[in-house]
All heavy atoms as atom14 arrays in JSON, in Angstrom:
{
  "sequence": "IERAMLLKAVSQAQSVVERRNTIPILANVLIEAEGDTVQFRA",
  "atom14_mask": [
    [1, 1, 1, 1, 1, 1, 1, 1, 0, 0, 0, 0, 0, 0],
    [1, 1, 1, 1, 1, 1, 1, 1, 1, 0, 0, 0, 0, 0],
    [1, 1, 1, 1, 1, 1, 1, 1, 1, 1, 1, 0, 0, 0],
    [1, 1, 1, 1, 1, 0, 0, 0, 0, 0, 0, 0, 0, 0],
    [1, 1, 1, 1, 1, 1, 1, 1, 0, 0, 0, 0, 0, 0],
    [1, 1, 1, 1, 1, 1, 1, 1, 0, 0, 0, 0, 0, 0],
    [1, 1, 1, 1, 1, 1, 1, 1, 0, 0, 0, 0, 0, 0],
    [1, 1, 1, 1, 1, 1, 1, 1, 1, 0, 0, 0, 0, 0],
    [1, 1, 1, 1, 1, 0, 0, 0, 0, 0, 0, 0, 0, 0],
    [1, 1, 1, 1, 1, 1, 1, 0, 0, 0, 0, 0, 0, 0],
    [1, 1, 1, 1, 1, 1, 0, 0, 0, 0, 0, 0, 0, 0],
    [1, 1, 1, 1, 1, 1, 1, 1, 1, 0, 0, 0, 0, 0],
    [1, 1, 1, 1, 1, 0, 0, 0, 0, 0, 0, 0, 0, 0],
    [1, 1, 1, 1, 1, 1, 1, 1, 1, 0, 0, 0, 0, 0],
    [1, 1, 1, 1, 1, 1, 0, 0, 0, 0, 0, 0, 0, 0],
    [1, 1, 1, 1, 1, 1, 1, 0, 0, 0, 0, 0, 0, 0],
    [1, 1, 1, 1, 1, 1, 1, 0, 0, 0, 0, 0, 0, 0],
    [1, 1, 1, 1, 1, 1, 1, 1, 1, 0, 0, 0, 0, 0],
    [1, 1, 1, 1, 1, 1, 1, 1, 1, 1, 1, 0, 0, 0],
    [1, 1, 1, 1, 1, 1, 1, 1, 1, 1, 1, 0, 0, 0],
    [1, 1, 1, 1, 1, 1, 1, 1, 0, 0, 0, 0, 0, 0],
    [1, 1, 1, 1, 1, 1, 1, 0, 0, 0, 0, 0, 0, 0],
    [1, 1, 1, 1, 1, 1, 1, 1, 0, 0, 0, 0, 0, 0],
    [1, 1, 1, 1, 1, 1, 1, 0, 0, 0, 0, 0, 0, 0],
    [1, 1, 1, 1, 1, 1, 1, 1, 0, 0, 0, 0, 0, 0],
    [1, 1, 1, 1, 1, 1, 1, 1, 0, 0, 0, 0, 0, 0],
    [1, 1, 1, 1, 1, 0, 0, 0, 0, 0, 0, 0, 0, 0],
    [1, 1, 1, 1, 1, 1, 1, 1, 0, 0, 0, 0, 0, 0],
    [1, 1, 1, 1, 1, 1, 1, 0, 0, 0, 0, 0, 0, 0],
    [1, 1, 1, 1, 1, 1, 1, 1, 0, 0, 0, 0, 0, 0],
    [1, 1, 1, 1, 1, 1, 1, 1, 0, 0, 0, 0, 0, 0],
    [1, 1, 1, 1, 1, 1, 1, 1, 1, 0, 0, 0, 0, 0],
    [1, 1, 1, 1, 1, 0, 0, 0, 0, 0, 0, 0, 0, 0],
    [1, 1, 1, 1, 1, 1, 1, 1, 1, 0, 0, 0, 0, 0],
    [1, 1, 1, 1, 0, 0, 0, 0, 0, 0, 0, 0, 0, 0],
    [1, 1, 1, 1, 1, 1, 1, 1, 0, 0, 0, 0, 0, 0],
    [1, 1, 1, 1, 1, 1, 1, 0, 0, 0, 0, 0, 0, 0],
    [1, 1, 1, 1, 1, 1, 1, 0, 0, 0, 0, 0, 0, 0],
    [1, 1, 1, 1, 1, 1, 1, 1, 1, 0, 0, 0, 0, 0],
    [1, 1, 1, 1, 1, 1, 1, 1, 1, 1, 1, 0, 0, 0],
    [1, 1, 1, 1, 1, 1, 1, 1, 1, 1, 1, 0, 0, 0],
    [1, 1, 1, 1, 1, 0, 0, 0, 0, 0, 0, 0, 0, 0]
  ],
  "atom14_positions": [
    [[35.29, 5.27, 20.45], [34.97, 6.47, 19.69], [36.24, 7.24, 19.37], [37.2, 7.24, 20.16], [33.95, 7.36, 20.47], [33.56, 8.6, 19.66], [34.49, 7.74, 21.85], [32.4, 9.37, 20.26], [0.0, 0.0, 0.0], [0.0, 0.0, 0.0], [0.0, 0.0, 0.0], [0.0, 0.0, 0.0], [0.0, 0.0, 0.0], [0.0, 0.0, 0.0]],
    [[36.26, 7.88, 18.24], [37.43, 8.66, 17.81], [37.56, 9.9, 18.7], [36.57, 10.53, 19.04], [37.25, 9.02, 16.33], [38.54, 9.28, 15.59], [38.95, 10.74, 15.68], [38.08, 11.6, 15.48], [40.13, 11.01, 15.96], [0.0, 0.0, 0.0], [0.0, 0.0, 0.0], [0.0, 0.0, 0.0], [0.0, 0.0, 0.0], [0.0, 0.0, 0.0]],
    [[38.78, 10.22, 19.09], [39.02, 11.28, 20.08], [38.42, 12.63, 19.67], [37.81, 13.32, 20.49], [40.53, 11.42, 20.3], [40.91, 12.49, 21.31], [41.75, 13.54, 20.65], [42.13, 14.62, 21.57], [42.39, 15.85, 21.15], [42.32, 16.14, 19.87], [42.72, 16.78, 22.01], [0.0, 0.0, 0.0], [0.0, 0.0, 0.0], [0.0, 0.0, 0.0]],
    [[38.56, 13.03, 18.4], [38.05, 14.35, 17.97], [36.54, 14.43, 18.13], [35.99, 15.45, 18.57], [38.45, 14.62, 16.52], [0.0, 0.0, 0.0], [0.0, 0.0, 0.0], [0.0, 0.0, 0.0], [0.0, 0.0, 0.0], [0.0, 0.0, 0.0], [0.0, 0.0, 0.0], [0.0, 0.0, 0.0], [0.0, 0.0, 0.0], [0.0, 0.0, 0.0]],
    [[35.84, 13.36, 17.77], [34.37, 13.35, 17.9], [33.96, 13.4, 19.37], [33.02, 14.09, 19.75], [33.78, 12.09, 17.26], [33.88, 12.07, 15.75], [33.09, 10.62, 15.06], [31.39, 11.14, 15.12], [0.0, 0.0, 0.0], [0.0, 0.0, 0.0], [0.0, 0.0, 0.0], [0.0, 0.0, 0.0], [0.0, 0.0, 0.0], [0.0, 0.0, 0.0]],
    [[34.7, 12.66, 20.19], [34.4, 12.63, 21.63], [34.64, 14.0, 22.25], [33.83, 14.49, 23.04], [35.27, 11.57, 22.31], [35.1, 11.41, 23.82], [33.67, 11.07, 24.19], [36.05, 10.36, 24.38], [0.0, 0.0, 0.0], [0.0, 0.0, 0.0], [0.0, 0.0, 0.0], [0.0, 0.0, 0.0], [0.0, 0.0, 0.0], [0.0, 0.0, 0.0]],
    [[35.73, 14.63, 21.88], [36.07, 15.95, 22.43], [35.0, 16.98, 22.08], [34.58, 17.77, 22.93], [37.45, 16.4, 21.92], [37.92, 17.76, 22.46], [38.1, 17.71, 23.97], [39.23, 18.18, 21.8], [0.0, 0.0, 0.0], [0.0, 0.0, 0.0], [0.0, 0.0, 0.0], [0.0, 0.0, 0.0], [0.0, 0.0, 0.0], [0.0, 0.0, 0.0]],
    [[34.57, 16.97, 20.82], [33.55, 17.93, 20.37], [32.26, 17.75, 21.18], [31.66, 18.71, 21.65], [33.29, 17.72, 18.88], [32.33, 18.71, 18.25], [32.34, 18.55, 16.73], [31.35, 19.48, 16.06], [29.95, 19.09, 16.29], [0.0, 0.0, 0.0], [0.0, 0.0, 0.0], [0.0, 0.0, 0.0], [0.0, 0.0, 0.0], [0.0, 0.0, 0.0]],
    [[31.85, 16.48, 21.34], [30.6, 16.2, 22.06], [30.7, 16.55, 23.54], [29.81, 17.18, 24.1], [30.23, 14.73, 21.89], [0.0, 0.0, 0.0], [0.0, 0.0, 0.0], [0.0, 0.0, 0.0], [0.0, 0.0, 0.0], [0.0, 0.0, 0.0], [0.0, 0.0, 0.0], [0.0, 0.0, 0.0], [0.0, 0.0, 0.0], [0.0, 0.0, 0.0]],
    [[31.81, 16.17, 24.15], [31.96, 16.4, 25.6], [32.15, 17.88, 25.9], [31.66, 18.39, 26.91], [33.14, 15.57, 26.16], [33.4, 15.89, 27.62], [32.84, 14.08, 26.03], [0.0, 0.0, 0.0], [0.0, 0.0, 0.0], [0.0, 0.0, 0.0], [0.0, 0.0, 0.0], [0.0, 0.0, 0.0], [0.0, 0.0, 0.0], [0.0, 0.0, 0.0]],
    [[32.86, 18.6, 25.03], [33.12, 20.03, 25.32], [31.82, 20.83, 25.28], [31.61, 21.73, 26.08], [34.15, 20.62, 24.36], [33.7, 20.54, 23.05], [0.0, 0.0, 0.0], [0.0, 0.0, 0.0], [0.0, 0.0, 0.0], [0.0, 0.0, 0.0], [0.0, 0.0, 0.0], [0.0, 0.0, 0.0], [0.0, 0.0, 0.0], [0.0, 0.0, 0.0]],
    [[30.93, 20.49, 24.33], [29.64, 21.18, 24.27], [28.83, 20.9, 25.54], [28.25, 21.79, 26.13], [28.85, 20.7, 23.05], [27.47, 21.31, 22.91], [27.49, 22.73, 22.39], [28.19, 23.03, 21.43], [26.74, 23.62, 23.01], [0.0, 0.0, 0.0], [0.0, 0.0, 0.0], [0.0, 0.0, 0.0], [0.0, 0.0, 0.0], [0.0, 0.0, 0.0]],
    [[28.85, 19.65, 25.96], [28.07, 19.27, 27.15], [28.64, 19.88, 28.43], [27.9, 20.46, 29.22], [28.02, 17.75, 27.27], [0.0, 0.0, 0.0], [0.0, 0.0, 0.0], [0.0, 0.0, 0.0], [0.0, 0.0, 0.0], [0.0, 0.0, 0.0], [0.0, 0.0, 0.0], [0.0, 0.0, 0.0], [0.0, 0.0, 0.0], [0.0, 0.0, 0.0]],
    [[29.96, 19.79, 28.61], [30.52, 20.25, 29.89], [30.43, 21.75, 30.09], [30.45, 22.25, 31.21], [31.98, 19.77, 30.04], [32.98, 20.38, 29.1], [33.63, 21.64, 29.62], [33.84, 21.79, 30.81], [33.95, 22.54, 28.71], [0.0, 0.0, 0.0], [0.0, 0.0, 0.0], [0.0, 0.0, 0.0], [0.0, 0.0, 0.0], [0.0, 0.0, 0.0]],
    [[30.31, 22.51, 29.0], [30.23, 23.97, 29.16], [28.91, 24.41, 29.83], [28.82, 25.51, 30.36], [30.39, 24.68, 27.81], [29.32, 24.35, 26.95], [0.0, 0.0, 0.0], [0.0, 0.0, 0.0], [0.0, 0.0, 0.0], [0.0, 0.0, 0.0], [0.0, 0.0, 0.0], [0.0, 0.0, 0.0], [0.0, 0.0, 0.0], [0.0, 0.0, 0.0]],
    [[27.91, 23.56, 29.79], [26.63, 23.87, 30.45], [26.73, 23.68, 31.96], [26.07, 24.35, 32.73], [25.5, 22.97, 29.86], [24.23, 23.05, 30.7], [25.22, 23.35, 28.42], [0.0, 0.0, 0.0], [0.0, 0.0, 0.0], [0.0, 0.0, 0.0], [0.0, 0.0, 0.0], [0.0, 0.0, 0.0], [0.0, 0.0, 0.0], [0.0, 0.0, 0.0]],
    [[27.6, 22.75, 32.37], [27.73, 22.39, 33.79], [28.24, 23.58, 34.6], [29.21, 24.23, 34.23], [28.68, 21.18, 33.94], [28.99, 20.9, 35.41], [28.08, 19.95, 33.28], [0.0, 0.0, 0.0], [0.0, 0.0, 0.0], [0.0, 0.0, 0.0], [0.0, 0.0, 0.0], [0.0, 0.0, 0.0], [0.0, 0.0, 0.0], [0.0, 0.0, 0.0]],
    [[27.55, 23.87, 35.7], [27.99, 24.95, 36.59], [29.2, 24.48, 37.4], [29.2, 23.36, 37.93], [26.86, 25.33, 37.54], [25.75, 26.14, 36.9], [26.18, 27.54, 36.51], [27.19, 28.03, 37.04], [25.51, 28.14, 35.64], [0.0, 0.0, 0.0], [0.0, 0.0, 0.0], [0.0, 0.0, 0.0], [0.0, 0.0, 0.0], [0.0, 0.0, 0.0]],
    [[30.21, 25.33, 37.49], [31.43, 24.95, 38.22], [31.15, 24.78, 39.72], [31.67, 23.9, 40.36], [32.52, 26.02, 38.03], [33.02, 26.13, 36.59], [33.88, 24.93, 36.2], [34.27, 25.0, 34.81], [33.59, 24.46, 33.81], [32.46, 23.81, 34.06], [34.02, 24.55, 32.56], [0.0, 0.0, 0.0], [0.0, 0.0, 0.0], [0.0, 0.0, 0.0]],
    [[30.35, 25.68, 40.27], [30.06, 25.6, 41.71], [28.69, 24.96, 41.88], [27.66, 25.59, 41.65], [30.07, 27.0, 42.34], [31.45, 27.62, 42.33], [31.47, 28.97, 43.03], [30.61, 29.95, 42.41], [30.94, 30.63, 41.32], [32.12, 30.42, 40.73], [30.12, 31.52, 40.8], [0.0, 0.0, 0.0], [0.0, 0.0, 0.0], [0.0, 0.0, 0.0]],
    [[28.7, 23.71, 42.29], [27.47, 22.95, 42.39], [27.24, 22.43, 43.79], [28.15, 21.93, 44.43], [27.54, 21.75, 41.44], [26.6, 21.95, 40.27], [25.49, 22.4, 40.45], [27.07, 21.61, 39.09], [0.0, 0.0, 0.0], [0.0, 0.0, 0.0], [0.0, 0.0, 0.0], [0.0, 0.0, 0.0], [0.0, 0.0, 0.0], [0.0, 0.0, 0.0]],
    [[26.0, 22.52, 44.27], [25.68, 21.91, 45.56], [25.07, 20.52, 45.35], [24.99, 19.73, 46.27], [24.69, 22.79, 46.35], [23.59, 23.1, 45.48], [25.35, 24.08, 46.8], [0.0, 0.0, 0.0], [0.0, 0.0, 0.0], [0.0, 0.0, 0.0], [0.0, 0.0, 0.0], [0.0, 0.0, 0.0], [0.0, 0.0, 0.0], [0.0, 0.0, 0.0]],
    [[24.62, 20.25, 44.12], [24.04, 18.93, 43.82], [25.06, 18.16, 42.98], [25.31, 18.49, 41.82], [22.71, 19.09, 43.04], [21.78, 20.06, 43.76], [22.04, 17.73, 42.84], [20.56, 20.46, 42.98], [0.0, 0.0, 0.0], [0.0, 0.0, 0.0], [0.0, 0.0, 0.0], [0.0, 0.0, 0.0], [0.0, 0.0, 0.0], [0.0, 0.0, 0.0]],
    [[25.7, 17.14, 43.56], [26.81, 16.45, 42.87], [26.47, 15.94, 41.46], [27.29, 16.06, 40.56], [27.13, 15.28, 43.81], [26.67, 15.73, 45.16], [25.48, 16.6, 44.91], [0.0, 0.0, 0.0], [0.0, 0.0, 0.0], [0.0, 0.0, 0.0], [0.0, 0.0, 0.0], [0.0, 0.0, 0.0], [0.0, 0.0, 0.0], [0.0, 0.0, 0.0]],
    [[25.26, 15.43, 41.27], [24.92, 14.84, 39.96], [24.94, 15.88, 38.84], [25.19, 15.56, 37.69], [23.53, 14.13, 40.03], [23.3, 13.22, 38.81], [22.39, 15.12, 40.17], [24.04, 11.93, 38.82], [0.0, 0.0, 0.0], [0.0, 0.0, 0.0], [0.0, 0.0, 0.0], [0.0, 0.0, 0.0], [0.0, 0.0, 0.0], [0.0, 0.0, 0.0]],
    [[24.73, 17.16, 39.21], [24.71, 18.21, 38.17], [26.11, 18.51, 37.63], [26.26, 19.2, 36.62], [24.08, 19.5, 38.71], [22.58, 19.44, 39.01], [22.07, 20.79, 39.46], [21.78, 18.96, 37.8], [0.0, 0.0, 0.0], [0.0, 0.0, 0.0], [0.0, 0.0, 0.0], [0.0, 0.0, 0.0], [0.0, 0.0, 0.0], [0.0, 0.0, 0.0]],
    [[27.14, 18.01, 38.33], [28.51, 18.19, 37.82], [28.84, 17.1, 36.8], [29.9, 17.12, 36.17], [29.51, 18.14, 38.96], [0.0, 0.0, 0.0], [0.0, 0.0, 0.0], [0.0, 0.0, 0.0], [0.0, 0.0, 0.0], [0.0, 0.0, 0.0], [0.0, 0.0, 0.0], [0.0, 0.0, 0.0], [0.0, 0.0, 0.0], [0.0, 0.0, 0.0]],
    [[27.93, 16.14, 36.64], [28.19, 15.0, 35.77], [27.54, 15.13, 34.4], [26.59, 15.89, 34.22], [27.69, 13.71, 36.44], [28.65, 13.21, 37.5], [29.5, 13.96, 37.97], [28.52, 11.95, 37.87], [0.0, 0.0, 0.0], [0.0, 0.0, 0.0], [0.0, 0.0, 0.0], [0.0, 0.0, 0.0], [0.0, 0.0, 0.0], [0.0, 0.0, 0.0]],
    [[28.06, 14.37, 33.47], [27.45, 14.25, 32.15], [26.88, 12.83, 32.06], [27.5, 11.87, 32.53], [28.48, 14.53, 31.02], [29.68, 13.61, 31.09], [27.83, 14.44, 29.64], [0.0, 0.0, 0.0], [0.0, 0.0, 0.0], [0.0, 0.0, 0.0], [0.0, 0.0, 0.0], [0.0, 0.0, 0.0], [0.0, 0.0, 0.0], [0.0, 0.0, 0.0]],
    [[25.67, 12.72, 31.52], [25.03, 11.41, 31.35], [25.44, 10.84, 29.99], [25.21, 11.48, 28.96], [23.51, 11.56, 31.44], [22.65, 10.34, 31.09], [22.93, 9.18, 32.03], [21.17, 10.69, 31.12], [0.0, 0.0, 0.0], [0.0, 0.0, 0.0], [0.0, 0.0, 0.0], [0.0, 0.0, 0.0], [0.0, 0.0, 0.0], [0.0, 0.0, 0.0]],
    [[26.08, 9.69, 30.01], [26.51, 9.03, 28.76], [25.57, 7.87, 28.48], [25.4, 6.98, 29.33], [27.97, 8.51, 28.89], [28.91, 9.63, 29.35], [28.44, 7.9, 27.58], [30.3, 9.15, 29.74], [0.0, 0.0, 0.0], [0.0, 0.0, 0.0], [0.0, 0.0, 0.0], [0.0, 0.0, 0.0], [0.0, 0.0, 0.0], [0.0, 0.0, 0.0]],
    [[24.93, 7.89, 27.31], [23.99, 6.83, 26.93], [24.43, 6.24, 25.6], [24.5, 6.97, 24.59], [22.57, 7.39, 26.81], [22.03, 7.98, 28.11], [20.74, 8.78, 27.92], [20.77, 9.82, 27.24], [19.71, 8.32, 28.43], [0.0, 0.0, 0.0], [0.0, 0.0, 0.0], [0.0, 0.0, 0.0], [0.0, 0.0, 0.0], [0.0, 0.0, 0.0]],
    [[24.71, 4.94, 25.58], [25.19, 4.29, 24.36], [24.19, 3.25, 23.89], [23.74, 2.42, 24.69], [26.54, 3.64, 24.61], [0.0, 0.0, 0.0], [0.0, 0.0, 0.0], [0.0, 0.0, 0.0], [0.0, 0.0, 0.0], [0.0, 0.0, 0.0], [0.0, 0.0, 0.0], [0.0, 0.0, 0.0], [0.0, 0.0, 0.0], [0.0, 0.0, 0.0]],
    [[23.84, 3.33, 22.61], [22.91, 2.35, 22.05], [23.06, 2.33, 20.53], [23.26, 3.38, 19.92], [21.46, 2.7, 22.43], [20.51, 1.53, 22.21], [19.12, 1.82, 22.77], [18.99, 2.61, 23.72], [18.16, 1.26, 22.23], [0.0, 0.0, 0.0], [0.0, 0.0, 0.0], [0.0, 0.0, 0.0], [0.0, 0.0, 0.0], [0.0, 0.0, 0.0]],
    [[22.95, 1.13, 19.93], [23.07, 1.03, 18.48], [24.46, 1.43, 18.05], [25.46, 0.88, 18.51], [0.0, 0.0, 0.0], [0.0, 0.0, 0.0], [0.0, 0.0, 0.0], [0.0, 0.0, 0.0], [0.0, 0.0, 0.0], [0.0, 0.0, 0.0], [0.0, 0.0, 0.0], [0.0, 0.0, 0.0], [0.0, 0.0, 0.0], [0.0, 0.0, 0.0]],
    [[24.55, 2.45, 17.19], [25.87, 2.97, 16.78], [26.02, 4.42, 17.21], [26.76, 5.19, 16.61], [26.07, 2.82, 15.26], [25.01, 3.59, 14.48], [24.09, 4.15, 15.12], [25.12, 3.65, 13.24], [0.0, 0.0, 0.0], [0.0, 0.0, 0.0], [0.0, 0.0, 0.0], [0.0, 0.0, 0.0], [0.0, 0.0, 0.0], [0.0, 0.0, 0.0]],
    [[25.3, 4.8, 18.27], [25.29, 6.19, 18.71], [25.55, 6.28, 20.21], [25.07, 5.45, 20.98], [23.91, 6.85, 18.41], [23.63, 6.7, 17.03], [23.91, 8.32, 18.75], [0.0, 0.0, 0.0], [0.0, 0.0, 0.0], [0.0, 0.0, 0.0], [0.0, 0.0, 0.0], [0.0, 0.0, 0.0], [0.0, 0.0, 0.0], [0.0, 0.0, 0.0]],
    [[26.3, 7.31, 20.59], [26.44, 7.62, 22.01], [26.0, 9.05, 22.19], [26.29, 9.91, 21.36], [27.89, 7.41, 22.52], [28.89, 8.24, 21.72], [28.02, 7.74, 24.0], [0.0, 0.0, 0.0], [0.0, 0.0, 0.0], [0.0, 0.0, 0.0], [0.0, 0.0, 0.0], [0.0, 0.0, 0.0], [0.0, 0.0, 0.0], [0.0, 0.0, 0.0]],
    [[25.23, 9.32, 23.23], [24.85, 10.71, 23.47], [25.26, 11.17, 24.86], [25.25, 10.39, 25.82], [23.39, 10.97, 23.17], [22.36, 10.26, 23.97], [20.96, 10.7, 23.56], [20.71, 11.11, 22.42], [20.01, 10.62, 24.48], [0.0, 0.0, 0.0], [0.0, 0.0, 0.0], [0.0, 0.0, 0.0], [0.0, 0.0, 0.0], [0.0, 0.0, 0.0]],
    [[25.65, 12.43, 24.91], [26.14, 13.05, 26.14], [25.14, 14.12, 26.53], [24.85, 15.03, 25.74], [27.53, 13.66, 25.92], [28.55, 12.64, 25.5], [28.7, 12.28, 24.15], [29.35, 12.01, 26.44], [29.63, 11.34, 23.76], [30.29, 11.06, 26.06], [30.42, 10.72, 24.72], [0.0, 0.0, 0.0], [0.0, 0.0, 0.0], [0.0, 0.0, 0.0]],
    [[24.64, 14.02, 27.75], [23.6, 14.95, 28.21], [24.08, 15.66, 29.46], [24.55, 15.02, 30.41], [22.32, 14.16, 28.51], [21.09, 15.0, 28.84], [19.94, 14.09, 29.29], [19.52, 13.16, 28.25], [18.49, 13.37, 27.42], [17.79, 14.49, 27.53], [18.17, 12.47, 26.52], [0.0, 0.0, 0.0], [0.0, 0.0, 0.0], [0.0, 0.0, 0.0]],
    [[23.98, 16.99, 29.47], [24.37, 17.77, 30.65], [23.3, 18.81, 30.92], [22.63, 19.28, 29.99], [25.72, 18.45, 30.43], [0.0, 0.0, 0.0], [0.0, 0.0, 0.0], [0.0, 0.0, 0.0], [0.0, 0.0, 0.0], [0.0, 0.0, 0.0], [0.0, 0.0, 0.0], [0.0, 0.0, 0.0], [0.0, 0.0, 0.0], [0.0, 0.0, 0.0]]
  ]
}
């Protein structure tokens, strides 16, 4: 993926993530790739 597109997608997702987390998985972003699309979920 092109860096600018990746940065835009990841920055939107990571801003939702709470910095102080007791549940480790909530600090992560879920990356799902299929077809010609990748989606980032936080």
